[in-house]
Amino acid sequence: MRSVMTFLIVGLGFFAKAQEQPSATTSAIAVVDLIKVFEAHPDTKATTAQLTKDRESARDIFKEKSNSLKEVLQKHQELIRAGNRESAADKLKEANELEKAIATLRTTQQRDLEEKFRQTKTKILTAISKAVRDHNADGTYAVILDSSSKSSNGLPQVIHSPGAKDITAEIIKKVAATSGE
């Protein structure tokens, strides 16, 4: 038992000494602000503009269909006041069909816009990840951390990083140079 304790104490002493003196093979740590890189990516601005244009177009179509529905409902009310119940019933059926079409349109438009956004974001993030990997192809850094990320409770993932190299500017340059490949 005593020899096991001695072994553990000596082992812990070597471990502590190894932690104090980094070896020549210890690699550096780098940080990158991926929010800045994402915003600086050449495709981000153009894609955001296109998605905004698509969203506005979808809203215009929705407004047009909604206005058509209002007109049909107004005609329905006029026909009821005029005592023409048969034509009013037809207008009500038309209004119900328009209402279903509008609901389907809204859901489809929203889903399509979300899918476009997801695909575009994935494409840009893939390009950024490739730029980071290419930048570290020589293995200079053991770890590259996103300094802009937050934990699940809202705290920064990287709280303090003295000695870590901030490679944000280099990654922005690399992304800009390789955009469109």
C-alpha atoms as a PDB file:
ATOM      1  CA  MET A   1       0.000   0.000   0.000  1.00  0.00           C
ATOM      2  CA  ARG A   2       2.839   2.325   0.903  1.00  0.00           C
ATOM      3  CA  SER A   3       4.594   1.717  -2.453  1.00  0.00           C
ATOM      4  CA  VAL A   4       1.385   2.511  -4.339  1.00  0.00           C
ATOM      5  CA  MET A   5       1.027   5.802  -2.442  1.00  0.00           C
ATOM      6  CA  THR A   6       4.676   6.660  -3.118  1.00  0.00           C
ATOM      7  CA  PHE A   7       4.169   5.883  -6.802  1.00  0.00           C
ATOM      8  CA  LEU A   8       1.085   8.112  -6.955  1.00  0.00           C
ATOM      9  CA  ILE A   9       2.804  11.002  -5.183  1.00  0.00           C
ATOM     10  CA  VAL A  10       5.882  10.761  -7.431  1.00  0.00           C
ATOM     11  CA  GLY A  11       3.627  10.467 -10.514  1.00  0.00           C
ATOM     12  CA  LEU A  12       1.640  13.524  -9.498  1.00  0.00           C
ATOM     13  CA  GLY A  13       4.898  15.425  -8.948  1.00  0.00           C
ATOM     14  CA  PHE A  14       6.071  14.627 -12.490  1.00  0.00           C
ATOM     15  CA  PHE A  15       2.639  15.563 -13.879  1.00  0.00           C
ATOM     16  CA  ALA A  16       2.691  18.911 -12.055  1.00  0.00           C
ATOM     17  CA  LYS A  17       6.233  19.617 -13.268  1.00  0.00           C
ATOM     18  CA  ALA A  18       5.209  18.758 -16.854  1.00  0.00           C
ATOM     19  CA  GLN A  19       2.296  21.185 -16.605  1.00  0.00           C
ATOM     20  CA  GLU A  20       4.584  23.995 -15.442  1.00  0.00           C
ATOM     21  CA  GLN A  21       7.032  23.655 -18.318  1.00  0.00           C
ATOM     22  CA  PRO A  22       5.406  23.417 -21.742  1.00  0.00           C
ATOM     23  CA  SER A  23       7.295  21.204 -24.126  1.00  0.00           C
ATOM     24  CA  ALA A  24       8.502  22.242 -27.544  1.00  0.00           C
ATOM     25  CA  THR A  25       5.649  20.262 -29.106  1.00  0.00           C
ATOM     26  CA  THR A  26       2.920  22.283 -27.358  1.00  0.00           C
ATOM     27  CA  SER A  27       0.859  24.005 -30.018  1.00  0.00           C
ATOM     28  CA  ALA A  28      -0.633  27.450 -29.804  1.00  0.00           C
ATOM     29  CA  ILE A  29      -4.271  28.383 -29.450  1.00  0.00           C
ATOM     30  CA  ALA A  30      -6.018  30.809 -31.774  1.00  0.00           C
ATOM     31  CA  VAL A  31      -9.334  32.617 -31.621  1.00  0.00           C
ATOM     32  CA  VAL A  32     -11.499  33.891 -34.456  1.00  0.00           C
ATOM     33  CA  ASP A  33     -14.612  36.062 -34.283  1.00  0.00           C
ATOM     34  CA  LEU A  34     -16.871  34.084 -36.607  1.00  0.00           C
ATOM     35  CA  ILE A  35     -19.625  36.699 -36.471  1.00  0.00           C
ATOM     36  CA  LYS A  36     -17.243  39.272 -37.956  1.00  0.00           C
ATOM     37  CA  VAL A  37     -16.048  36.773 -40.547  1.00  0.00           C
ATOM     38  CA  PHE A  38     -19.635  35.841 -41.485  1.00  0.00           C
ATOM     39  CA  GLU A  39     -20.613  39.502 -41.840  1.00  0.00           C
ATOM     40  CA  ALA A  40     -17.491  40.205 -43.922  1.00  0.00           C
ATOM     41  CA  HIS A  41     -18.036  37.231 -46.233  1.00  0.00           C
ATOM     42  CA  PRO A  42     -18.692  38.579 -49.760  1.00  0.00           C
ATOM     43  CA  ASP A  43     -21.814  36.429 -50.220  1.00  0.00           C
ATOM     44  CA  THR A  44     -23.472  37.573 -46.982  1.00  0.00           C
ATOM     45  CA  LYS A  45     -24.463  41.041 -48.167  1.00  0.00           C
ATOM     46  CA  ALA A  46     -25.727  39.916 -51.580  1.00  0.00           C
ATOM     47  CA  THR A  47     -27.609  36.967 -50.112  1.00  0.00           C
ATOM     48  CA  THR A  48     -29.191  39.097 -47.410  1.00  0.00           C
ATOM     49  CA  ALA A  49     -30.348  41.567 -50.052  1.00  0.00           C
ATOM     50  CA  GLN A  50     -31.808  38.764 -52.187  1.00  0.00           C
ATOM     51  CA  LEU A  51     -33.568  37.135 -49.225  1.00  0.00           C
ATOM     52  CA  THR A  52     -35.023  40.517 -48.239  1.00  0.00           C
ATOM     53  CA  LYS A  53     -36.243  41.008 -51.808  1.00  0.00           C
ATOM     54  CA  ASP A  54     -37.777  37.501 -51.808  1.00  0.00           C
ATOM     55  CA  ARG A  55     -39.471  38.158 -48.453  1.00  0.00           C
ATOM     56  CA  GLU A  56     -40.949  41.431 -49.732  1.00  0.00           C
ATOM     57  CA  SER A  57     -42.148  39.710 -52.893  1.00  0.00           C
ATOM     58  CA  ALA A  58     -43.811  37.011 -50.790  1.00  0.00           C
ATOM     59  CA  ARG A  59     -45.504  39.694 -48.683  1.00  0.00           C
ATOM     60  CA  ASP A  60     -46.766  41.433 -51.830  1.00  0.00           C
ATOM     61  CA  ILE A  61     -48.265  38.193 -53.135  1.00  0.00           C
ATOM     62  CA  PHE A  62     -49.846  37.551 -49.734  1.00  0.00           C
ATOM     63  CA  LYS A  63     -51.316  41.084 -49.647  1.00  0.00           C
ATOM     64  CA  GLU A  64     -52.695  40.653 -53.169  1.00  0.00           C
ATOM     65  CA  LYS A  65     -54.385  37.374 -52.256  1.00  0.00           C
ATOM     66  CA  SER A  66     -55.702  38.862 -49.003  1.00  0.00           C
ATOM     67  CA  ASN A  67     -57.173  41.819 -50.860  1.00  0.00           C
ATOM     68  CA  SER A  68     -58.859  39.420 -53.293  1.00  0.00           C
ATOM     69  CA  LEU A  69     -60.365  37.596 -50.337  1.00  0.00           C
ATOM     70  CA  LYS A  70     -61.671  40.871 -48.879  1.00  0.00           C
ATOM     71  CA  GLU A  71     -63.272  41.756 -52.210  1.00  0.00           C
ATOM     72  CA  VAL A  72     -64.967  38.352 -52.460  1.00  0.00           C
ATOM     73  CA  LEU A  73     -66.263  38.672 -48.878  1.00  0.00           C
ATOM     74  CA  GLN A  74     -67.589  42.151 -49.621  1.00  0.00           C
ATOM     75  CA  LYS A  75     -69.401  40.840 -52.721  1.00  0.00           C
ATOM     76  CA  HIS A  76     -70.766  38.017 -50.584  1.00  0.00           C
ATOM     77  CA  GLN A  77     -72.200  40.545 -48.120  1.00  0.00           C
ATOM     78  CA  GLU A  78     -73.689  42.636 -50.950  1.00  0.00           C
ATOM     79  CA  LEU A  79     -75.372  39.545 -52.402  1.00  0.00           C
ATOM     80  CA  ILE A  80     -76.835  38.643 -48.996  1.00  0.00           C
ATOM     81  CA  ARG A  81     -78.216  42.195 -48.588  1.00  0.00           C
ATOM     82  CA  ALA A  82     -79.688  41.981 -52.090  1.00  0.00           C
ATOM     83  CA  GLY A  83     -81.414  38.720 -51.161  1.00  0.00           C
ATOM     84  CA  ASN A  84     -79.516  36.638 -53.722  1.00  0.00           C
ATOM     85  CA  ARG A  85     -78.687  33.722 -51.433  1.00  0.00           C
ATOM     86  CA  GLU A  86     -77.626  31.282 -54.172  1.00  0.00           C
ATOM     87  CA  SER A  87     -74.962  33.650 -55.566  1.00  0.00           C
ATOM     88  CA  ALA A  88     -73.958  34.556 -51.989  1.00  0.00           C
ATOM     89  CA  ALA A  89     -73.386  30.862 -51.227  1.00  0.00           C
ATOM     90  CA  ASP A  90     -71.171  30.581 -54.322  1.00  0.00           C
ATOM     91  CA  LYS A  91     -69.168  33.630 -53.196  1.00  0.00           C
ATOM     92  CA  LEU A  92     -68.776  32.097 -49.736  1.00  0.00           C
ATOM     93  CA  LYS A  93     -67.390  28.903 -51.294  1.00  0.00           C
ATOM     94  CA  GLU A  94     -65.003  31.035 -53.353  1.00  0.00           C
ATOM     95  CA  ALA A  95     -63.928  32.894 -50.182  1.00  0.00           C
ATOM     96  CA  ASN A  96     -63.304  29.622 -48.346  1.00  0.00           C
ATOM     97  CA  GLU A  97     -61.151  28.334 -51.208  1.00  0.00           C
ATOM     98  CA  LEU A  98     -59.195  31.603 -51.298  1.00  0.00           C
ATOM     99  CA  GLU A  99     -58.695  31.434 -47.541  1.00  0.00           C
ATOM    100  CA  LYS A 100     -57.283  27.892 -47.789  1.00  0.00           C
ATOM    101  CA  ALA A 101     -55.039  28.935 -50.686  1.00  0.00           C
ATOM    102  CA  ILE A 102     -53.742  31.901 -48.671  1.00  0.00           C
ATOM    103  CA  ALA A 103     -52.972  29.712 -45.662  1.00  0.00           C
ATOM    104  CA  THR A 104     -51.134  27.212 -47.858  1.00  0.00           C
ATOM    105  CA  LEU A 105     -49.302  30.005 -49.663  1.00  0.00           C
ATOM    106  CA  ARG A 106     -48.168  31.584 -46.396  1.00  0.00           C
ATOM    107  CA  THR A 107     -46.876  28.275 -45.039  1.00  0.00           C
ATOM    108  CA  THR A 108     -45.125  27.394 -48.302  1.00  0.00           C
ATOM    109  CA  GLN A 109     -43.562  30.834 -48.666  1.00  0.00           C
ATOM    110  CA  GLN A 110     -42.277  30.797 -45.093  1.00  0.00           C
ATOM    111  CA  ARG A 111     -40.850  27.298 -45.470  1.00  0.00           C
ATOM    112  CA  ASP A 112     -39.186  28.169 -48.782  1.00  0.00           C
ATOM    113  CA  LEU A 113     -37.612  31.331 -47.374  1.00  0.00           C
ATOM    114  CA  GLU A 114     -36.349  29.478 -44.304  1.00  0.00           C
ATOM    115  CA  GLU A 115     -34.871  26.736 -46.500  1.00  0.00           C
ATOM    116  CA  LYS A 116     -33.132  29.305 -48.741  1.00  0.00           C
ATOM    117  CA  PHE A 117     -31.717  31.009 -45.659  1.00  0.00           C
ATOM    118  CA  ARG A 118     -30.535  27.693 -44.186  1.00  0.00           C
ATOM    119  CA  GLN A 119     -28.860  26.615 -47.434  1.00  0.00           C
ATOM    120  CA  THR A 120     -27.145  29.960 -47.900  1.00  0.00           C
ATOM    121  CA  LYS A 121     -25.969  30.117 -44.303  1.00  0.00           C
ATOM    122  CA  THR A 122     -24.625  26.560 -44.555  1.00  0.00           C
ATOM    123  CA  LYS A 123     -22.762  27.425 -47.762  1.00  0.00           C
ATOM    124  CA  ILE A 124     -21.134  30.482 -46.186  1.00  0.00           C
ATOM    125  CA  LEU A 125     -20.274  28.654 -42.948  1.00  0.00           C
ATOM    126  CA  THR A 126     -18.768  25.786 -44.946  1.00  0.00           C
ATOM    127  CA  ALA A 127     -16.577  28.276 -46.832  1.00  0.00           C
ATOM    128  CA  ILE A 128     -15.504  29.882 -43.553  1.00  0.00           C
ATOM    129  CA  SER A 129     -14.692  26.496 -41.996  1.00  0.00           C
ATOM    130  CA  LYS A 130     -12.617  25.606 -45.045  1.00  0.00           C
ATOM    131  CA  ALA A 131     -10.761  28.931 -44.809  1.00  0.00           C
ATOM    132  CA  VAL A 132      -9.975  28.270 -41.134  1.00  0.00           C
ATOM    133  CA  ARG A 133      -8.774  24.726 -41.907  1.00  0.00           C
ATOM    134  CA  ASP A 134      -6.672  25.976 -44.823  1.00  0.00           C
ATOM    135  CA  HIS A 135      -5.202  28.721 -42.646  1.00  0.00           C
ATOM    136  CA  ASN A 136      -4.147  26.081 -40.120  1.00  0.00           C
ATOM    137  CA  ALA A 137      -3.044  23.486 -42.675  1.00  0.00           C
ATOM    138  CA  ASP A 138       0.465  23.517 -41.223  1.00  0.00           C
ATOM    139  CA  GLY A 139      -0.905  22.658 -37.772  1.00  0.00           C
ATOM    140  CA  THR A 140       0.331  25.825 -36.084  1.00  0.00           C
ATOM    141  CA  TYR A 141      -2.656  25.841 -33.761  1.00  0.00           C
ATOM    142  CA  ALA A 142      -3.827  22.916 -31.677  1.00  0.00           C
ATOM    143  CA  VAL A 143      -7.188  24.597 -31.184  1.00  0.00           C
ATOM    144  CA  ILE A 144      -9.010  27.439 -32.911  1.00  0.00           C
ATOM    145  CA  LEU A 145     -11.934  28.765 -30.892  1.00  0.00           C
ATOM    146  CA  ASP A 146     -14.837  30.978 -31.917  1.00  0.00           C
ATOM    147  CA  SER A 147     -14.493  34.042 -29.692  1.00  0.00           C
ATOM    148  CA  SER A 148     -17.989  35.253 -30.638  1.00  0.00           C
ATOM    149  CA  SER A 149     -19.889  32.154 -29.528  1.00  0.00           C
ATOM    150  CA  LYS A 150     -22.025  31.978 -26.411  1.00  0.00           C
ATOM    151  CA  SER A 151     -22.748  29.043 -24.135  1.00  0.00           C
ATOM    152  CA  SER A 152     -26.264  27.755 -23.557  1.00  0.00           C
ATOM    153  CA  ASN A 153     -26.606  30.075 -20.565  1.00  0.00           C
ATOM    154  CA  GLY A 154     -25.487  33.140 -22.539  1.00  0.00           C
ATOM    155  CA  LEU A 155     -21.912  33.420 -21.316  1.00  0.00           C
ATOM    156  CA  PRO A 156     -19.062  33.779 -23.791  1.00  0.00           C
ATOM    157  CA  GLN A 157     -17.402  30.491 -24.711  1.00  0.00           C
ATOM    158  CA  VAL A 158     -13.998  32.192 -24.627  1.00  0.00           C
ATOM    159  CA  ILE A 159     -13.909  34.297 -21.491  1.00  0.00           C
ATOM    160  CA  HIS A 160     -10.214  35.147 -21.413  1.00  0.00           C
ATOM    161  CA  SER A 161      -7.555  34.250 -23.949  1.00  0.00           C
ATOM    162  CA  PRO A 162      -4.195  35.845 -23.165  1.00  0.00           C
ATOM    163  CA  GLY A 163      -1.542  34.387 -25.399  1.00  0.00           C
ATOM    164  CA  ALA A 164      -4.052  33.155 -27.944  1.00  0.00           C
ATOM    165  CA  LYS A 165      -3.579  34.612 -31.411  1.00  0.00           C
ATOM    166  CA  ASP A 166      -6.602  36.373 -32.896  1.00  0.00           C
ATOM    167  CA  ILE A 167      -6.710  35.259 -36.540  1.00  0.00           C
ATOM    168  CA  THR A 168      -9.989  36.990 -37.447  1.00  0.00           C
ATOM    169  CA  ALA A 169      -8.377  39.431 -39.907  1.00  0.00           C
ATOM    170  CA  GLU A 170      -6.454  36.650 -41.646  1.00  0.00           C
ATOM    171  CA  ILE A 171      -9.583  34.524 -42.033  1.00  0.00           C
ATOM    172  CA  ILE A 172     -11.549  37.491 -43.427  1.00  0.00           C
ATOM    173  CA  LYS A 173      -8.805  38.029 -46.026  1.00  0.00           C
ATOM    174  CA  LYS A 174      -8.720  34.335 -46.892  1.00  0.00           C
ATOM    175  CA  VAL A 175     -12.521  34.137 -47.244  1.00  0.00           C
ATOM    176  CA  ALA A 176     -12.542  37.230 -49.453  1.00  0.00           C
ATOM    177  CA  ALA A 177      -9.773  35.807 -51.636  1.00  0.00           C
ATOM    178  CA  THR A 178     -11.445  32.408 -52.063  1.00  0.00           C
ATOM    179  CA  SER A 179     -15.022  33.621 -52.481  1.00  0.00           C
ATOM    180  CA  GLY A 180     -16.697  32.273 -55.596  1.00  0.00           C
ATOM    181  CA  GLU A 181     -14.484  29.205 -55.879  1.00  0.00           C
END
